[in-house]
């Protein structure tokens, strides 16, 4: 056993009020962290998904359940629109949630009249 010149660590009693502190606050707290373009894109995506669901249910092709996920609904609507030849199909290796949502949003934007708030 080797002796060292470093003194042993001393234990300091811990007060319960200081032991569980909240995490430190960031240096700056931004007032609005969501850029306007992202907010508009989210609104377009939601509107496109709702329009696609309405199209699919109105066509009588499907009746979505409340437990169906949004990504499953979006994929079904995408495949239905491709089947009906309303949108061009993507290569299968590119079919993903993000690209499907983008394709639905593009389809929906073409359905809207000029001057619609979501087109701007």
C-alpha atoms as a PDB file:
ATOM      1  CA  UNK A   1       0.000   0.000   0.000  1.00  0.00           C
ATOM      2  CA  UNK A   2       1.379   3.282  -1.007  1.00  0.00           C
ATOM      3  CA  UNK A   3       0.849   6.353   1.104  1.00  0.00           C
ATOM      4  CA  UNK A   4       0.128   9.562  -0.677  1.00  0.00           C
ATOM      5  CA  UNK A   5       0.347  13.156   0.343  1.00  0.00           C
ATOM      6  CA  UNK A   6      -3.238  13.849  -0.760  1.00  0.00           C
ATOM      7  CA  UNK A   7      -5.556  14.175   2.216  1.00  0.00           C
ATOM      8  CA  UNK A   8      -8.711  12.013   2.187  1.00  0.00           C
ATOM      9  CA  UNK A   9     -11.907  13.529   0.869  1.00  0.00           C
ATOM     10  CA  UNK A  10     -14.035  14.991   3.569  1.00  0.00           C
ATOM     11  CA  UNK A  11     -17.757  14.480   3.526  1.00  0.00           C
ATOM     12  CA  UNK A  12     -19.867  17.560   3.813  1.00  0.00           C
ATOM     13  CA  UNK A  13     -23.365  17.208   5.233  1.00  0.00           C
ATOM     14  CA  UNK A  14     -25.950  17.773   2.492  1.00  0.00           C
ATOM     15  CA  UNK A  15     -29.005  19.831   3.209  1.00  0.00           C
ATOM     16  CA  UNK A  16     -32.189  18.394   1.640  1.00  0.00           C
ATOM     17  CA  UNK A  17     -33.218  21.775   0.253  1.00  0.00           C
ATOM     18  CA  UNK A  18     -29.991  22.151  -1.722  1.00  0.00           C
ATOM     19  CA  UNK A  19     -29.682  18.508  -2.817  1.00  0.00           C
ATOM     20  CA  UNK A  20     -32.554  18.625  -5.305  1.00  0.00           C
ATOM     21  CA  UNK A  21     -32.139  21.842  -7.233  1.00  0.00           C
ATOM     22  CA  UNK A  22     -33.792  22.491 -10.515  1.00  0.00           C
ATOM     23  CA  UNK A  23     -31.505  22.543 -13.560  1.00  0.00           C
ATOM     24  CA  UNK A  24     -29.836  25.864 -14.300  1.00  0.00           C
ATOM     25  CA  UNK A  25     -31.695  28.244 -16.544  1.00  0.00           C
ATOM     26  CA  UNK A  26     -30.297  28.888 -20.027  1.00  0.00           C
ATOM     27  CA  UNK A  27     -28.400  32.103 -20.539  1.00  0.00           C
ATOM     28  CA  UNK A  28     -31.026  33.478 -22.889  1.00  0.00           C
ATOM     29  CA  UNK A  29     -34.616  32.341 -23.215  1.00  0.00           C
ATOM     30  CA  UNK A  30     -35.898  32.975 -26.750  1.00  0.00           C
ATOM     31  CA  UNK A  31     -39.410  34.401 -26.875  1.00  0.00           C
ATOM     32  CA  UNK A  32     -40.521  32.393 -29.913  1.00  0.00           C
ATOM     33  CA  UNK A  33     -38.502  29.351 -30.943  1.00  0.00           C
ATOM     34  CA  UNK A  34     -40.734  28.243 -33.837  1.00  0.00           C
ATOM     35  CA  UNK A  35     -39.938  29.991 -37.116  1.00  0.00           C
ATOM     36  CA  UNK A  36     -42.967  31.171 -39.114  1.00  0.00           C
ATOM     37  CA  UNK A  37     -42.115  28.925 -42.079  1.00  0.00           C
ATOM     38  CA  UNK A  38     -42.163  25.853 -39.851  1.00  0.00           C
ATOM     39  CA  UNK A  39     -45.508  26.854 -38.364  1.00  0.00           C
ATOM     40  CA  UNK A  40     -46.981  27.345 -41.830  1.00  0.00           C
ATOM     41  CA  UNK A  41     -45.535  24.015 -42.957  1.00  0.00           C
ATOM     42  CA  UNK A  42     -47.087  22.255 -39.987  1.00  0.00           C
ATOM     43  CA  UNK A  43     -50.468  23.804 -40.751  1.00  0.00           C
ATOM     44  CA  UNK A  44     -50.162  22.734 -44.388  1.00  0.00           C
ATOM     45  CA  UNK A  45     -49.236  19.207 -43.383  1.00  0.00           C
ATOM     46  CA  UNK A  46     -52.168  18.874 -40.996  1.00  0.00           C
ATOM     47  CA  UNK A  47     -54.592  20.324 -43.531  1.00  0.00           C
ATOM     48  CA  UNK A  48     -53.236  18.031 -46.255  1.00  0.00           C
ATOM     49  CA  UNK A  49     -53.620  14.964 -44.057  1.00  0.00           C
ATOM     50  CA  UNK A  50     -57.192  15.934 -43.138  1.00  0.00           C
ATOM     51  CA  UNK A  51     -58.059  16.527 -46.803  1.00  0.00           C
ATOM     52  CA  UNK A  52     -56.521  13.194 -47.756  1.00  0.00           C
ATOM     53  CA  UNK A  53     -58.479  11.390 -45.041  1.00  0.00           C
ATOM     54  CA  UNK A  54     -61.677  13.090 -46.213  1.00  0.00           C
ATOM     55  CA  UNK A  55     -60.898  12.047 -49.804  1.00  0.00           C
ATOM     56  CA  UNK A  56     -60.217   8.421 -48.842  1.00  0.00           C
ATOM     57  CA  UNK A  57     -63.304   8.098 -46.638  1.00  0.00           C
ATOM     58  CA  UNK A  58     -65.496   9.932 -49.164  1.00  0.00           C
ATOM     59  CA  UNK A  59     -64.344   7.571 -51.892  1.00  0.00           C
ATOM     60  CA  UNK A  60     -65.398   4.679 -49.674  1.00  0.00           C
ATOM     61  CA  UNK A  61     -61.948   3.111 -49.751  1.00  0.00           C
ATOM     62  CA  UNK A  62     -61.348   3.153 -46.007  1.00  0.00           C
ATOM     63  CA  UNK A  63     -62.809   4.084 -42.657  1.00  0.00           C
ATOM     64  CA  UNK A  64     -60.057   5.162 -40.296  1.00  0.00           C
ATOM     65  CA  UNK A  65     -60.188   4.241 -36.615  1.00  0.00           C
ATOM     66  CA  UNK A  66     -59.382   6.669 -33.812  1.00  0.00           C
ATOM     67  CA  UNK A  67     -56.456   4.428 -32.838  1.00  0.00           C
ATOM     68  CA  UNK A  68     -54.802   4.632 -36.282  1.00  0.00           C
ATOM     69  CA  UNK A  69     -51.603   6.651 -36.176  1.00  0.00           C
ATOM     70  CA  UNK A  70     -51.166   9.769 -38.280  1.00  0.00           C
ATOM     71  CA  UNK A  71     -48.223   8.222 -40.125  1.00  0.00           C
ATOM     72  CA  UNK A  72     -50.286   5.123 -41.013  1.00  0.00           C
ATOM     73  CA  UNK A  73     -53.109   7.333 -42.279  1.00  0.00           C
ATOM     74  CA  UNK A  74     -50.675   9.431 -44.322  1.00  0.00           C
ATOM     75  CA  UNK A  75     -49.099   6.340 -45.897  1.00  0.00           C
ATOM     76  CA  UNK A  76     -52.525   4.898 -46.768  1.00  0.00           C
ATOM     77  CA  UNK A  77     -53.693   8.179 -48.311  1.00  0.00           C
ATOM     78  CA  UNK A  78     -50.431   8.435 -50.289  1.00  0.00           C
ATOM     79  CA  UNK A  79     -50.819   4.916 -51.676  1.00  0.00           C
ATOM     80  CA  UNK A  80     -54.485   5.592 -52.524  1.00  0.00           C
ATOM     81  CA  UNK A  81     -53.597   8.802 -54.384  1.00  0.00           C
ATOM     82  CA  UNK A  82     -50.901   6.930 -56.316  1.00  0.00           C
ATOM     83  CA  UNK A  83     -53.396   4.155 -57.130  1.00  0.00           C
ATOM     84  CA  UNK A  84     -55.918   6.731 -58.384  1.00  0.00           C
ATOM     85  CA  UNK A  85     -53.112   8.346 -60.424  1.00  0.00           C
ATOM     86  CA  UNK A  86     -53.561  11.715 -58.715  1.00  0.00           C
ATOM     87  CA  UNK A  87     -49.887  11.905 -57.701  1.00  0.00           C
ATOM     88  CA  UNK A  88     -46.763  10.346 -59.144  1.00  0.00           C
ATOM     89  CA  UNK A  89     -45.275   7.442 -57.207  1.00  0.00           C
ATOM     90  CA  UNK A  90     -41.899   7.728 -55.510  1.00  0.00           C
ATOM     91  CA  UNK A  91     -39.282   4.979 -55.661  1.00  0.00           C
ATOM     92  CA  UNK A  92     -40.027   2.542 -52.845  1.00  0.00           C
ATOM     93  CA  UNK A  93     -36.723   3.180 -51.084  1.00  0.00           C
ATOM     94  CA  UNK A  94     -37.655   6.889 -50.777  1.00  0.00           C
ATOM     95  CA  UNK A  95     -41.084   6.284 -49.242  1.00  0.00           C
ATOM     96  CA  UNK A  96     -40.817   7.485 -45.669  1.00  0.00           C
ATOM     97  CA  UNK A  97     -42.964   9.454 -43.257  1.00  0.00           C
ATOM     98  CA  UNK A  98     -41.336  12.786 -44.044  1.00  0.00           C
ATOM     99  CA  UNK A  99     -41.426  12.386 -47.834  1.00  0.00           C
ATOM    100  CA  UNK A 100     -45.001  11.086 -47.788  1.00  0.00           C
ATOM    101  CA  UNK A 101     -46.146  14.072 -45.735  1.00  0.00           C
ATOM    102  CA  UNK A 102     -44.326  16.403 -48.129  1.00  0.00           C
ATOM    103  CA  UNK A 103     -45.942  14.736 -51.148  1.00  0.00           C
ATOM    104  CA  UNK A 104     -49.399  15.005 -49.546  1.00  0.00           C
ATOM    105  CA  UNK A 105     -48.817  18.685 -48.747  1.00  0.00           C
ATOM    106  CA  UNK A 106     -47.763  19.356 -52.345  1.00  0.00           C
ATOM    107  CA  UNK A 107     -50.857  17.552 -53.646  1.00  0.00           C
ATOM    108  CA  UNK A 108     -53.093  19.538 -51.320  1.00  0.00           C
ATOM    109  CA  UNK A 109     -51.522  22.887 -52.236  1.00  0.00           C
ATOM    110  CA  UNK A 110     -52.412  22.220 -55.882  1.00  0.00           C
ATOM    111  CA  UNK A 111     -56.049  21.618 -54.849  1.00  0.00           C
ATOM    112  CA  UNK A 112     -56.366  24.995 -53.117  1.00  0.00           C
ATOM    113  CA  UNK A 113     -57.561  28.075 -55.010  1.00  0.00           C
ATOM    114  CA  UNK A 114     -55.191  30.959 -55.649  1.00  0.00           C
ATOM    115  CA  UNK A 115     -55.091  33.426 -52.796  1.00  0.00           C
ATOM    116  CA  UNK A 116     -55.803  30.808 -50.137  1.00  0.00           C
ATOM    117  CA  UNK A 117     -53.902  31.619 -46.892  1.00  0.00           C
ATOM    118  CA  UNK A 118     -52.148  28.236 -46.842  1.00  0.00           C
ATOM    119  CA  UNK A 119     -50.716  28.747 -50.338  1.00  0.00           C
ATOM    120  CA  UNK A 120     -48.756  31.808 -49.256  1.00  0.00           C
END
